[in-house]
């Protein structure tokens, strides 16, 4: 029964991670992942402890904006698809790069 609860908790974490841009669900996923690691360590299910540790790392990575520990957010730029296609078209023309 306890193992089934742990699997449901893991499914909830994955669901929370799939929710794009909803920071509160990511925090909830992190909290559930930490809880799963603790519960599984207490009951001695080593495989679920390892899965939980991986889930904690993924949750922390997601909360950091996709970069470990927050990364350098000021260095990324957003480029439109149209600009990329125009540049690619120029490169593919005869005499292009």
N, C-alpha and C. Protein backbone atom coordinates (compact mmCIF):
# COMPACT_ATOMS: atom_id res chain seq x y z
N UNK A 1 0.83 -1.20 0.00
CA UNK A 1 0.00 0.00 0.00
C UNK A 1 0.87 1.26 0.00
N UNK A 2 1.91 1.26 0.82
CA UNK A 2 2.77 2.44 0.91
C UNK A 2 3.50 2.66 -0.41
N UNK A 3 3.92 1.56 -1.05
CA UNK A 3 4.61 1.69 -2.34
C UNK A 3 3.67 2.29 -3.39
N UNK A 4 2.40 1.93 -3.36
CA UNK A 4 1.42 2.49 -4.30
C UNK A 4 1.27 4.00 -4.07
N UNK A 5 1.27 4.41 -2.81
CA UNK A 5 1.20 5.85 -2.50
C UNK A 5 2.44 6.56 -3.04
N UNK A 6 3.59 5.91 -2.92
CA UNK A 6 4.83 6.52 -3.43
C UNK A 6 4.76 6.68 -4.95
N UNK A 7 4.21 5.68 -5.66
CA UNK A 7 4.09 5.79 -7.11
C UNK A 7 3.11 6.89 -7.50
N UNK A 8 2.03 7.03 -6.75
CA UNK A 8 1.07 8.12 -7.02
C UNK A 8 1.76 9.46 -6.79
N UNK A 9 2.56 9.56 -5.73
CA UNK A 9 3.32 10.79 -5.48
C UNK A 9 4.27 11.11 -6.61
N UNK A 10 4.94 10.08 -7.14
CA UNK A 10 5.84 10.29 -8.27
C UNK A 10 5.08 10.79 -9.49
N UNK A 11 3.91 10.22 -9.73
CA UNK A 11 3.08 10.67 -10.86
C UNK A 11 2.66 12.12 -10.68
N UNK A 12 2.35 12.51 -9.44
CA UNK A 12 1.98 13.91 -9.18
C UNK A 12 3.15 14.85 -9.45
N UNK A 13 4.35 14.42 -9.11
CA UNK A 13 5.52 15.25 -9.38
C UNK A 13 5.70 15.45 -10.87
N UNK A 14 5.60 14.37 -11.63
CA UNK A 14 5.75 14.46 -13.09
C UNK A 14 4.67 15.37 -13.66
N UNK A 15 3.45 15.24 -13.18
CA UNK A 15 2.36 16.10 -13.65
C UNK A 15 2.67 17.56 -13.34
N UNK A 16 3.18 17.84 -12.13
CA UNK A 16 3.51 19.21 -11.75
C UNK A 16 4.61 19.78 -12.64
N UNK A 17 5.60 18.94 -13.01
CA UNK A 17 6.69 19.41 -13.86
C UNK A 17 6.22 19.72 -15.28
N UNK A 18 5.18 19.04 -15.72
CA UNK A 18 4.68 19.26 -17.07
C UNK A 18 3.84 20.52 -17.19
N UNK A 19 3.49 21.13 -16.07
CA UNK A 19 2.69 22.34 -16.09
C UNK A 19 3.61 23.52 -16.38
N UNK A 20 3.59 24.01 -17.60
CA UNK A 20 4.49 25.08 -18.00
C UNK A 20 4.17 26.41 -17.36
N UNK A 21 5.17 27.03 -16.79
CA UNK A 21 5.03 28.38 -16.28
C UNK A 21 4.25 28.51 -14.98
N UNK A 22 3.92 27.43 -14.34
CA UNK A 22 3.16 27.53 -13.09
C UNK A 22 4.12 27.22 -11.95
N UNK A 23 4.69 28.27 -11.43
CA UNK A 23 5.77 28.14 -10.45
C UNK A 23 5.30 27.45 -9.15
N UNK A 24 4.07 27.71 -8.72
CA UNK A 24 3.58 27.12 -7.48
C UNK A 24 3.52 25.60 -7.59
N UNK A 25 3.13 25.09 -8.76
CA UNK A 25 3.09 23.64 -8.93
C UNK A 25 4.49 23.05 -8.92
N UNK A 26 5.45 23.81 -9.42
CA UNK A 26 6.83 23.33 -9.38
C UNK A 26 7.32 23.24 -7.93
N UNK A 27 6.96 24.21 -7.10
CA UNK A 27 7.32 24.16 -5.69
C UNK A 27 6.62 22.99 -5.01
N UNK A 28 5.36 22.77 -5.38
CA UNK A 28 4.63 21.63 -4.81
C UNK A 28 5.30 20.32 -5.22
N UNK A 29 5.73 20.23 -6.47
CA UNK A 29 6.43 19.05 -6.94
C UNK A 29 7.71 18.81 -6.16
N UNK A 30 8.43 19.88 -5.88
CA UNK A 30 9.67 19.76 -5.10
C UNK A 30 9.36 19.26 -3.69
N UNK A 31 8.31 19.82 -3.08
CA UNK A 31 7.94 19.41 -1.72
C UNK A 31 7.54 17.94 -1.68
N UNK A 32 6.75 17.52 -2.67
CA UNK A 32 6.33 16.12 -2.72
C UNK A 32 7.54 15.21 -2.96
N UNK A 33 8.46 15.62 -3.82
CA UNK A 33 9.65 14.81 -4.10
C UNK A 33 10.49 14.64 -2.84
N UNK A 34 10.67 15.71 -2.09
CA UNK A 34 11.44 15.61 -0.85
C UNK A 34 10.71 14.69 0.14
N UNK A 35 9.40 14.85 0.22
CA UNK A 35 8.61 13.98 1.09
C UNK A 35 8.74 12.52 0.70
N UNK A 36 8.73 12.23 -0.60
CA UNK A 36 8.88 10.86 -1.07
C UNK A 36 10.24 10.28 -0.71
N UNK A 37 11.27 11.10 -0.83
CA UNK A 37 12.61 10.62 -0.46
C UNK A 37 12.63 10.26 1.01
N UNK A 38 12.06 11.09 1.86
CA UNK A 38 12.07 10.84 3.30
C UNK A 38 11.27 9.58 3.63
N UNK A 39 10.04 9.49 3.09
CA UNK A 39 9.19 8.33 3.39
C UNK A 39 9.83 7.05 2.90
N UNK A 40 10.34 7.07 1.69
CA UNK A 40 10.95 5.86 1.13
C UNK A 40 12.24 5.47 1.87
N UNK A 41 12.96 6.46 2.36
CA UNK A 41 14.15 6.15 3.15
C UNK A 41 13.76 5.51 4.48
N UNK A 42 12.68 5.98 5.07
CA UNK A 42 12.22 5.42 6.36
C UNK A 42 11.78 3.98 6.20
N UNK A 43 11.04 3.71 5.09
CA UNK A 43 10.55 2.34 4.92
C UNK A 43 11.55 1.43 4.22
N UNK A 44 12.66 2.00 3.76
CA UNK A 44 13.74 1.20 3.21
C UNK A 44 13.59 0.75 1.77
N UNK A 45 12.95 1.55 0.94
CA UNK A 45 12.80 1.21 -0.48
C UNK A 45 13.85 2.00 -1.25
N UNK A 46 15.03 1.38 -1.41
CA UNK A 46 16.18 2.07 -1.98
C UNK A 46 15.94 2.56 -3.40
N UNK A 47 15.26 1.75 -4.22
CA UNK A 47 15.03 2.15 -5.61
C UNK A 47 14.18 3.41 -5.69
N UNK A 48 13.17 3.50 -4.82
CA UNK A 48 12.31 4.69 -4.83
C UNK A 48 13.05 5.90 -4.24
N UNK A 49 13.99 5.67 -3.33
CA UNK A 49 14.80 6.77 -2.81
C UNK A 49 15.63 7.36 -3.94
N UNK A 50 16.23 6.50 -4.76
CA UNK A 50 17.03 6.98 -5.88
C UNK A 50 16.18 7.74 -6.89
N UNK A 51 15.00 7.21 -7.20
CA UNK A 51 14.10 7.91 -8.12
C UNK A 51 13.70 9.26 -7.53
N UNK A 52 13.43 9.27 -6.23
CA UNK A 52 13.06 10.52 -5.56
C UNK A 52 14.16 11.56 -5.61
N UNK A 53 15.40 11.12 -5.44
CA UNK A 53 16.53 12.05 -5.51
C UNK A 53 16.64 12.65 -6.91
N UNK A 54 16.44 11.82 -7.92
CA UNK A 54 16.45 12.34 -9.29
C UNK A 54 15.32 13.34 -9.49
N UNK A 55 14.14 13.03 -8.97
CA UNK A 55 13.01 13.96 -9.10
C UNK A 55 13.27 15.28 -8.37
N UNK A 56 13.90 15.21 -7.21
CA UNK A 56 14.25 16.44 -6.49
C UNK A 56 15.20 17.28 -7.35
N UNK A 57 16.18 16.63 -7.96
CA UNK A 57 17.13 17.36 -8.81
C UNK A 57 16.42 18.00 -10.01
N UNK A 58 15.51 17.25 -10.63
CA UNK A 58 14.77 17.79 -11.78
C UNK A 58 13.90 18.96 -11.35
N UNK A 59 13.23 18.83 -10.22
CA UNK A 59 12.38 19.93 -9.73
C UNK A 59 13.22 21.18 -9.44
N UNK A 60 14.36 20.99 -8.82
CA UNK A 60 15.24 22.13 -8.53
C UNK A 60 15.74 22.76 -9.82
N UNK A 61 16.07 21.94 -10.80
CA UNK A 61 16.52 22.43 -12.10
C UNK A 61 15.42 23.25 -12.77
N UNK A 62 14.18 22.75 -12.73
CA UNK A 62 13.05 23.47 -13.31
C UNK A 62 12.79 24.79 -12.58
N UNK A 63 12.87 24.78 -11.28
CA UNK A 63 12.65 26.02 -10.51
C UNK A 63 13.74 27.03 -10.78
N UNK A 64 14.92 26.56 -11.14
CA UNK A 64 16.03 27.46 -11.45
C UNK A 64 15.94 28.03 -12.86
N UNK A 65 14.83 27.84 -13.54
CA UNK A 65 14.66 28.39 -14.87
C UNK A 65 15.33 27.54 -15.94
N UNK A 66 15.52 26.28 -15.66
CA UNK A 66 16.15 25.40 -16.64
C UNK A 66 17.66 25.46 -16.61
N UNK A 67 18.19 26.19 -15.66
CA UNK A 67 19.64 26.27 -15.48
C UNK A 67 19.95 25.91 -14.04
N UNK A 68 21.03 25.20 -13.79
CA UNK A 68 21.36 24.86 -12.40
C UNK A 68 21.50 26.10 -11.53
N UNK A 69 20.79 26.12 -10.43
CA UNK A 69 20.85 27.21 -9.45
C UNK A 69 20.51 28.58 -10.04
N UNK A 70 19.62 28.62 -11.01
CA UNK A 70 19.15 29.89 -11.54
C UNK A 70 19.90 30.36 -12.75
N UNK A 71 21.14 29.98 -12.91
CA UNK A 71 21.92 30.34 -14.10
C UNK A 71 22.05 31.84 -14.29
N UNK A 72 22.49 32.21 -15.47
CA UNK A 72 22.63 33.62 -15.83
C UNK A 72 21.51 33.97 -16.78
N UNK A 73 20.40 34.46 -16.24
CA UNK A 73 19.22 34.72 -17.05
C UNK A 73 19.39 35.91 -17.99
N UNK A 74 20.30 36.81 -17.69
CA UNK A 74 20.47 37.98 -18.52
C UNK A 74 21.17 37.71 -19.84
N UNK A 75 21.78 36.55 -20.00
CA UNK A 75 22.55 36.26 -21.21
C UNK A 75 21.72 35.64 -22.32
N UNK A 76 20.52 35.13 -22.00
CA UNK A 76 19.72 34.49 -23.04
C UNK A 76 18.95 35.54 -23.83
N UNK A 77 18.73 35.26 -25.10
CA UNK A 77 17.98 36.16 -25.95
C UNK A 77 16.87 35.39 -26.64
N UNK A 78 15.82 36.09 -27.00
CA UNK A 78 14.70 35.49 -27.71
C UNK A 78 14.78 35.94 -29.15
N UNK A 79 14.79 35.00 -30.07
CA UNK A 79 14.85 35.30 -31.49
C UNK A 79 13.61 34.69 -32.12
N UNK A 80 12.96 35.46 -32.98
CA UNK A 80 11.74 34.94 -33.59
C UNK A 80 12.07 33.89 -34.64
N UNK A 81 11.13 33.02 -34.86
CA UNK A 81 11.29 31.98 -35.86
C UNK A 81 11.45 32.59 -37.24
N UNK A 82 10.75 33.67 -37.49
CA UNK A 82 10.84 34.33 -38.80
C UNK A 82 12.26 34.82 -39.07
N UNK A 83 12.87 35.44 -38.07
CA UNK A 83 14.24 35.92 -38.23
C UNK A 83 15.19 34.76 -38.52
N UNK A 84 14.99 33.65 -37.80
CA UNK A 84 15.84 32.48 -38.02
C UNK A 84 15.67 31.92 -39.43
N UNK A 85 14.42 31.88 -39.92
CA UNK A 85 14.17 31.35 -41.27
C UNK A 85 14.75 32.25 -42.34
N UNK A 86 14.65 33.57 -42.15
CA UNK A 86 15.24 34.51 -43.11
C UNK A 86 16.75 34.33 -43.15
N UNK A 87 17.37 34.22 -41.99
CA UNK A 87 18.82 34.03 -41.94
C UNK A 87 19.21 32.70 -42.59
N UNK A 88 18.46 31.65 -42.34
CA UNK A 88 18.74 30.36 -42.94
C UNK A 88 18.59 30.43 -44.46
N UNK A 89 17.55 31.11 -44.92
CA UNK A 89 17.35 31.28 -46.36
C UNK A 89 18.50 32.00 -47.02
N UNK A 90 19.04 33.01 -46.35
CA UNK A 90 20.17 33.76 -46.90
C UNK A 90 21.41 32.87 -46.98
N UNK A 91 21.59 31.99 -45.99
CA UNK A 91 22.74 31.11 -45.99
C UNK A 91 22.64 30.04 -47.09
N UNK A 92 21.42 29.64 -47.40
CA UNK A 92 21.24 28.57 -48.38
C UNK A 92 21.26 29.06 -49.83
N UNK A 93 21.17 30.36 -50.05
CA UNK A 93 21.22 30.89 -51.41
C UNK A 93 22.60 30.69 -52.02
N UNK A 94 22.66 30.50 -53.34
CA UNK A 94 23.98 30.43 -53.97
C UNK A 94 24.77 31.71 -53.69
N UNK A 95 25.98 31.55 -53.31
CA UNK A 95 26.82 32.70 -52.97
C UNK A 95 26.66 33.13 -51.52
N UNK A 96 25.79 32.43 -50.78
CA UNK A 96 25.62 32.73 -49.35
C UNK A 96 26.82 32.20 -48.59
N UNK A 97 26.71 32.20 -47.28
CA UNK A 97 27.83 31.71 -46.45
C UNK A 97 28.13 30.32 -46.86
